[in-house]
Amino acid sequence: MKVKFWGTRGSIPVPGRSTMIYGGNTPSIQVTSSGGEQIFLDAGSGFREAGIDLMRKKSKSKIYLFMSHFHWDHVLGLPFFPPLYDENNAVQIYGMANNQKTVEEVIDLLIRPPLFPITKAEFKASVTFENISPNDSVSLGDLTLKTFEVNHQCCTLAYRIDEGNKSFVYITDNEIKYSKLNPDSLINDIAEHNAGMIEFCKDTDYIVHDTTYTFEDYSNKIGWGHSNNLSGAILSSLAGVKNLILFHYDPEYNDEKVELILNETKAFLKKMGSKVNCIASRDGLELEV
């Protein structure tokens, strides 16, 4: 299983000199199975570049898009995805029904005038929609995808992808639950309030987790539906994860700030005596799971 990050930023794209190392595209991750299945997780601004890459390679395999949720930063690349305008392609879009609307109905609301000049009727590819729920399982070739509902207002899914004895977990836009903003009690607090999520992530090779804020900045963002780097580190340790990948950075954070978060997280894991390796995601990062 190969993984490529096309967008790693949260909330809004932030191109420019201050984000040249870690990138400014919003979330989109490509997973390619050993059998060639093409899976994408979210369709943020990085999804457009992924589509350009697929067209350049003349890849005509079916494309599977799994949406965590439908906030703007996770969908804004969808109507700019070139394979949608090629009749030789087939795209299947999965997501969780939102406020009693199906996935297709949500897409219809987003891609239509006056928000966008065309509707999805202009897509030339064969596009189908699939509503999925928490605790569902989807098999695609040698891959199995499992879902888990996370803490981000309404209707947001995490995905666990297993292929053989390898696994990859994607948890974006999730506020890890705990009762007190006290670093000394965080481990027990997080273990108590996140048992289901810890089990969902158990022993995975890689977890991509929402680390939008530093622990210090998070104190002013409680209830916003996002996590900080230290709670992400603790969750990963409790789940026995091998590698934590920091993700969904605050758009106010420049490359220097992301580097500081990475170093702080590594130091915190070391202090805990954790064996979890920590990586900072960046646009263009490629992994072999």
Protein backbone atom coordinates (compact mmCIF):
# COMPACT_ATOMS: atom_id res chain seq x y z
CA MET A 1 0.00 0.00 0.00
CA LYS A 2 1.39 3.36 -1.08
CA VAL A 3 0.26 6.67 0.40
CA LYS A 4 0.74 10.16 -1.02
CA PHE A 5 -0.25 13.42 0.67
CA TRP A 6 -1.64 16.03 -1.72
CA GLY A 7 -2.96 18.42 0.94
CA THR A 8 -2.24 18.68 4.67
CA ARG A 9 -3.51 22.10 5.77
CA GLY A 10 -6.73 22.86 7.63
CA SER A 11 -9.52 25.38 7.03
CA ILE A 12 -8.27 27.25 3.94
CA PRO A 13 -5.43 26.97 1.40
CA VAL A 14 -2.39 29.04 2.37
CA PRO A 15 0.08 29.14 -0.53
CA GLY A 16 3.13 31.37 -0.21
CA ARG A 17 6.70 31.64 0.95
CA SER A 18 5.89 30.87 4.58
CA THR A 19 4.42 27.44 3.74
CA MET A 20 6.79 26.24 1.02
CA ILE A 21 8.19 23.32 3.05
CA TYR A 22 5.02 21.76 4.48
CA GLY A 23 2.59 23.11 1.90
CA GLY A 24 -0.66 25.02 1.85
CA ASN A 25 -3.20 22.71 0.19
CA THR A 26 -6.18 21.49 2.19
CA PRO A 27 -6.73 17.78 2.89
CA SER A 28 -6.46 15.09 0.26
CA ILE A 29 -4.58 11.79 0.54
CA GLN A 30 -4.12 9.14 -2.14
CA VAL A 31 -3.86 5.46 -1.21
CA THR A 32 -2.84 2.96 -3.89
CA SER A 33 -3.26 -0.72 -3.08
CA SER A 34 -0.82 -3.40 -4.17
CA GLY A 35 -3.48 -4.42 -6.71
CA GLY A 36 -3.73 -0.90 -8.14
CA GLU A 37 -6.97 0.34 -6.56
CA GLN A 38 -6.97 4.15 -6.38
CA ILE A 39 -8.48 5.52 -3.18
CA PHE A 40 -8.64 9.15 -2.11
CA LEU A 41 -9.40 10.44 1.36
CA ASP A 42 -11.09 13.85 1.10
CA ALA A 43 -11.17 16.32 -1.77
CA GLY A 44 -9.56 19.51 -0.51
CA SER A 45 -7.53 21.80 -2.76
CA GLY A 46 -4.82 19.14 -3.08
CA PHE A 47 -7.34 16.88 -4.85
CA ARG A 48 -7.02 19.00 -8.00
CA GLU A 49 -3.28 18.36 -8.25
CA ALA A 50 -3.84 14.66 -7.65
CA GLY A 51 -6.27 14.61 -10.55
CA ILE A 52 -3.81 16.37 -12.84
CA ASP A 53 -1.24 13.74 -11.91
CA LEU A 54 -3.65 10.89 -12.72
CA MET A 55 -4.49 12.41 -16.11
CA ARG A 56 -0.82 12.91 -16.94
CA LYS A 57 -0.14 9.25 -16.16
CA LYS A 58 -3.21 8.29 -18.24
CA SER A 59 -4.48 6.22 -15.33
CA LYS A 60 -7.95 4.93 -16.21
CA SER A 61 -8.68 2.74 -13.19
CA LYS A 62 -11.80 3.37 -11.15
CA ILE A 63 -11.35 6.08 -8.55
CA TYR A 64 -12.82 5.76 -5.06
CA LEU A 65 -13.26 8.93 -2.99
CA PHE A 66 -14.01 8.58 0.72
CA MET A 67 -15.13 11.82 2.37
CA SER A 68 -14.56 12.38 6.07
CA HIS A 69 -17.17 15.16 6.00
CA PHE A 70 -18.28 18.03 3.80
CA HIS A 71 -16.81 21.20 5.28
CA TRP A 72 -15.41 23.51 2.61
CA ASP A 73 -11.74 22.73 3.15
CA HIS A 74 -12.42 19.05 2.43
CA VAL A 75 -14.51 19.49 -0.74
CA LEU A 76 -13.25 22.59 -2.52
CA GLY A 77 -11.03 20.59 -4.89
CA LEU A 78 -13.83 18.27 -6.02
CA PRO A 79 -15.24 20.25 -8.97
CA PHE A 80 -11.67 20.95 -10.17
CA PHE A 81 -10.72 17.25 -10.35
CA PRO A 82 -9.87 16.66 -14.05
CA PRO A 83 -10.84 12.95 -14.17
CA LEU A 84 -14.46 13.98 -13.55
CA TYR A 85 -14.50 15.58 -17.00
CA ASP A 86 -13.17 12.52 -18.87
CA GLU A 87 -15.77 10.03 -20.08
CA ASN A 88 -13.25 7.19 -19.75
CA ASN A 89 -13.21 7.49 -15.95
CA ALA A 90 -15.46 6.16 -13.20
CA VAL A 91 -15.57 7.84 -9.78
CA GLN A 92 -17.42 6.46 -6.76
CA ILE A 93 -17.92 8.87 -3.86
CA TYR A 94 -18.52 7.59 -0.33
CA GLY A 95 -19.57 9.63 2.67
CA MET A 96 -21.85 9.91 5.66
CA ALA A 97 -25.33 11.32 5.19
CA ASN A 98 -25.41 14.82 6.66
CA ASN A 99 -28.41 16.49 8.30
CA GLN A 100 -30.74 13.96 6.65
CA LYS A 101 -29.24 14.63 3.22
CA THR A 102 -27.60 11.89 1.17
CA VAL A 103 -24.05 12.25 -0.14
CA GLU A 104 -25.40 13.01 -3.60
CA GLU A 105 -27.75 15.68 -2.25
CA VAL A 106 -24.89 17.35 -0.36
CA ILE A 107 -22.75 17.41 -3.52
CA ASP A 108 -25.70 18.87 -5.44
CA LEU A 109 -25.87 21.72 -2.93
CA LEU A 110 -22.15 22.47 -3.26
CA ILE A 111 -21.70 22.21 -7.02
CA ARG A 112 -24.42 24.43 -8.46
CA PRO A 113 -25.02 28.14 -9.19
CA PRO A 114 -24.52 30.56 -7.56
CA LEU A 115 -21.74 28.77 -5.64
CA PHE A 116 -20.28 27.19 -8.79
CA PRO A 117 -20.99 27.87 -12.48
CA ILE A 118 -22.02 24.29 -13.37
CA THR A 119 -23.73 21.32 -11.76
CA LYS A 120 -22.53 17.74 -11.52
CA ALA A 121 -24.58 17.00 -14.63
CA GLU A 122 -21.61 18.41 -16.57
CA PHE A 123 -19.32 15.64 -15.31
CA LYS A 124 -18.46 13.30 -18.19
CA ALA A 125 -17.12 10.51 -16.00
CA SER A 126 -19.44 7.88 -14.58
CA VAL A 127 -20.05 9.20 -11.05
CA THR A 128 -21.87 7.20 -8.38
CA PHE A 129 -22.56 7.88 -4.72
CA GLU A 130 -22.61 5.62 -1.68
CA ASN A 131 -23.88 6.51 1.79
CA ILE A 132 -21.92 4.88 4.58
CA SER A 133 -22.27 4.95 8.35
CA PRO A 134 -20.08 4.57 11.43
CA ASN A 135 -18.83 1.01 11.99
CA ASP A 136 -19.29 0.09 8.32
CA SER A 137 -16.79 -1.98 6.35
CA VAL A 138 -16.05 -1.67 2.62
CA SER A 139 -13.92 -4.15 0.67
CA LEU A 140 -12.05 -2.98 -2.44
CA GLY A 141 -9.77 -5.63 -3.89
CA ASP A 142 -7.26 -6.53 -1.20
CA LEU A 143 -8.19 -3.49 0.89
CA THR A 144 -10.71 -3.29 3.70
CA LEU A 145 -11.90 0.13 4.88
CA LYS A 146 -13.60 0.51 8.25
CA THR A 147 -15.33 3.61 9.57
CA PHE A 148 -15.62 5.29 12.96
CA GLU A 149 -17.51 8.47 13.87
CA VAL A 150 -15.31 11.16 15.42
CA ASN A 151 -15.89 14.28 17.51
CA HIS A 152 -16.33 17.13 15.02
CA GLN A 153 -19.81 18.61 15.27
CA CYS A 154 -21.91 16.39 12.98
CA CYS A 155 -21.36 13.44 10.73
CA THR A 156 -17.57 13.06 10.44
CA LEU A 157 -15.86 9.74 9.78
CA ALA A 158 -12.43 8.31 10.42
CA TYR A 159 -11.15 5.55 8.14
CA ARG A 160 -8.96 2.55 8.84
CA ILE A 161 -7.50 0.86 5.76
CA ASP A 162 -6.11 -2.66 6.11
CA GLU A 163 -4.23 -4.64 3.48
CA GLY A 164 -2.83 -7.95 4.66
CA ASN A 165 -0.98 -7.25 7.91
CA LYS A 166 -0.51 -3.54 7.15
CA SER A 167 -2.83 -0.73 8.20
CA PHE A 168 -3.29 3.02 7.85
CA VAL A 169 -5.70 5.20 9.84
CA TYR A 170 -7.00 8.61 8.75
CA ILE A 171 -8.54 10.82 11.44
CA THR A 172 -8.92 14.42 10.42
CA ASP A 173 -11.09 17.03 12.13
CA ASN A 174 -11.44 15.29 15.47
CA GLU A 175 -11.35 16.79 18.95
CA ILE A 176 -9.90 14.20 21.30
CA LYS A 177 -12.06 14.16 24.42
CA TYR A 178 -10.77 14.87 27.90
CA SER A 179 -12.17 16.68 30.91
CA LYS A 180 -9.30 18.86 32.19
CA LEU A 181 -6.65 20.92 30.42
CA ASN A 182 -3.93 19.50 32.65
CA PRO A 183 -0.86 17.83 31.06
CA ASP A 184 -0.23 15.78 34.21
CA SER A 185 -3.59 14.00 34.02
CA LEU A 186 -3.98 13.81 30.25
CA ILE A 187 -3.00 10.16 29.74
CA ASN A 188 -5.61 8.68 32.07
CA ASP A 189 -8.16 11.30 31.00
CA ILE A 190 -7.78 10.51 27.29
CA ALA A 191 -7.79 6.75 27.94
CA GLU A 192 -11.08 7.09 29.83
CA HIS A 193 -12.90 9.27 27.30
CA ASN A 194 -11.68 7.77 23.98
CA ALA A 195 -11.76 4.00 24.46
CA GLY A 196 -13.61 3.30 21.21
CA MET A 197 -11.23 5.36 19.12
CA ILE A 198 -8.18 3.82 20.78
CA GLU A 199 -9.50 0.37 19.89
CA PHE A 200 -10.20 1.51 16.30
CA CYS A 201 -6.57 2.63 15.92
CA LYS A 202 -5.01 -0.28 17.79
CA ASP A 203 -1.59 -1.40 16.52
CA THR A 204 -1.87 0.44 13.21
CA ASP A 205 1.31 1.15 11.25
CA TYR A 206 0.45 4.79 10.56
CA ILE A 207 -2.13 7.16 11.97
CA VAL A 208 -2.81 10.53 10.37
CA HIS A 209 -4.42 12.61 13.09
CA ASP A 210 -5.78 16.12 13.43
CA THR A 211 -3.10 18.16 15.23
CA THR A 212 -4.43 21.55 14.23
CA TYR A 213 -3.16 23.37 17.32
CA THR A 214 -0.32 23.40 19.78
CA PHE A 215 -1.33 22.44 23.32
CA GLU A 216 -0.93 26.08 24.34
CA ASP A 217 -3.11 27.46 21.52
CA TYR A 218 -5.76 24.80 22.06
CA SER A 219 -6.76 26.34 25.40
CA ASN A 220 -8.52 29.11 23.42
CA LYS A 221 -10.08 26.71 20.89
CA ILE A 222 -11.83 24.16 23.10
CA GLY A 223 -15.02 22.93 21.46
CA TRP A 224 -13.95 23.89 17.93
CA GLY A 225 -13.72 20.24 16.87
CA HIS A 226 -9.93 19.98 16.52
CA SER A 227 -7.09 18.48 18.54
CA ASN A 228 -3.64 19.53 19.66
CA ASN A 229 -0.32 17.79 19.12
CA LEU A 230 0.07 16.43 22.66
CA SER A 231 -3.35 14.79 22.81
CA GLY A 232 -2.64 13.23 19.41
CA ALA A 233 0.62 11.84 20.76
CA ILE A 234 -1.11 10.35 23.80
CA LEU A 235 -3.89 8.76 21.75
CA SER A 236 -1.30 7.19 19.43
CA SER A 237 0.70 5.83 22.36
CA LEU A 238 -2.36 4.35 24.05
CA ALA A 239 -3.33 2.63 20.79
CA GLY A 240 0.12 1.15 20.23
CA VAL A 241 0.51 2.99 16.93
CA LYS A 242 3.90 2.74 15.23
CA ASN A 243 3.90 6.14 13.48
CA LEU A 244 1.96 9.34 14.19
CA ILE A 245 1.62 11.75 11.27
CA LEU A 246 0.78 15.33 12.24
CA PHE A 247 -1.94 16.79 9.99
CA HIS A 248 -4.49 19.57 9.35
CA TYR A 249 -2.26 22.43 10.50
CA ASP A 250 -3.81 25.74 11.49
CA PRO A 251 -3.57 28.09 8.47
CA GLU A 252 -1.87 30.65 10.70
CA TYR A 253 1.09 28.32 11.25
CA ASN A 254 4.11 28.82 8.99
CA ASP A 255 6.81 26.24 8.26
CA GLU A 256 8.83 27.29 11.28
CA LYS A 257 5.82 26.77 13.56
CA VAL A 258 5.12 23.30 12.12
CA GLU A 259 8.76 22.39 12.71
CA LEU A 260 8.43 23.51 16.34
CA ILE A 261 5.29 21.40 16.75
CA LEU A 262 7.10 18.37 15.33
CA ASN A 263 10.03 18.80 17.71
CA GLU A 264 7.74 19.43 20.69
CA THR A 265 5.74 16.29 19.92
CA LYS A 266 8.87 14.16 19.57
CA ALA A 267 10.19 15.46 22.89
CA PHE A 268 6.83 14.78 24.58
CA LEU A 269 6.74 11.21 23.25
CA LYS A 270 10.28 10.63 24.47
CA LYS A 271 9.40 11.98 27.91
CA MET A 272 6.43 9.58 28.01
CA GLY A 273 8.71 6.68 27.19
CA SER A 274 6.62 6.06 24.08
CA LYS A 275 7.90 4.10 21.09
CA VAL A 276 5.72 6.05 18.65
CA ASN A 277 7.64 7.67 15.80
CA CYS A 278 6.40 11.14 14.82
CA ILE A 279 6.31 12.58 11.29
CA ALA A 280 5.07 15.96 10.08
CA SER A 281 2.94 15.56 6.97
CA ARG A 282 3.68 17.81 4.01
CA ASP A 283 2.24 18.20 0.55
CA GLY A 284 3.99 15.63 -1.66
CA LEU A 285 5.01 13.27 1.15
CA GLU A 286 5.01 9.62 0.00
CA LEU A 287 4.99 6.52 2.22
CA GLU A 288 5.17 2.78 1.70
CA VAL A 289 3.02 1.10 4.35
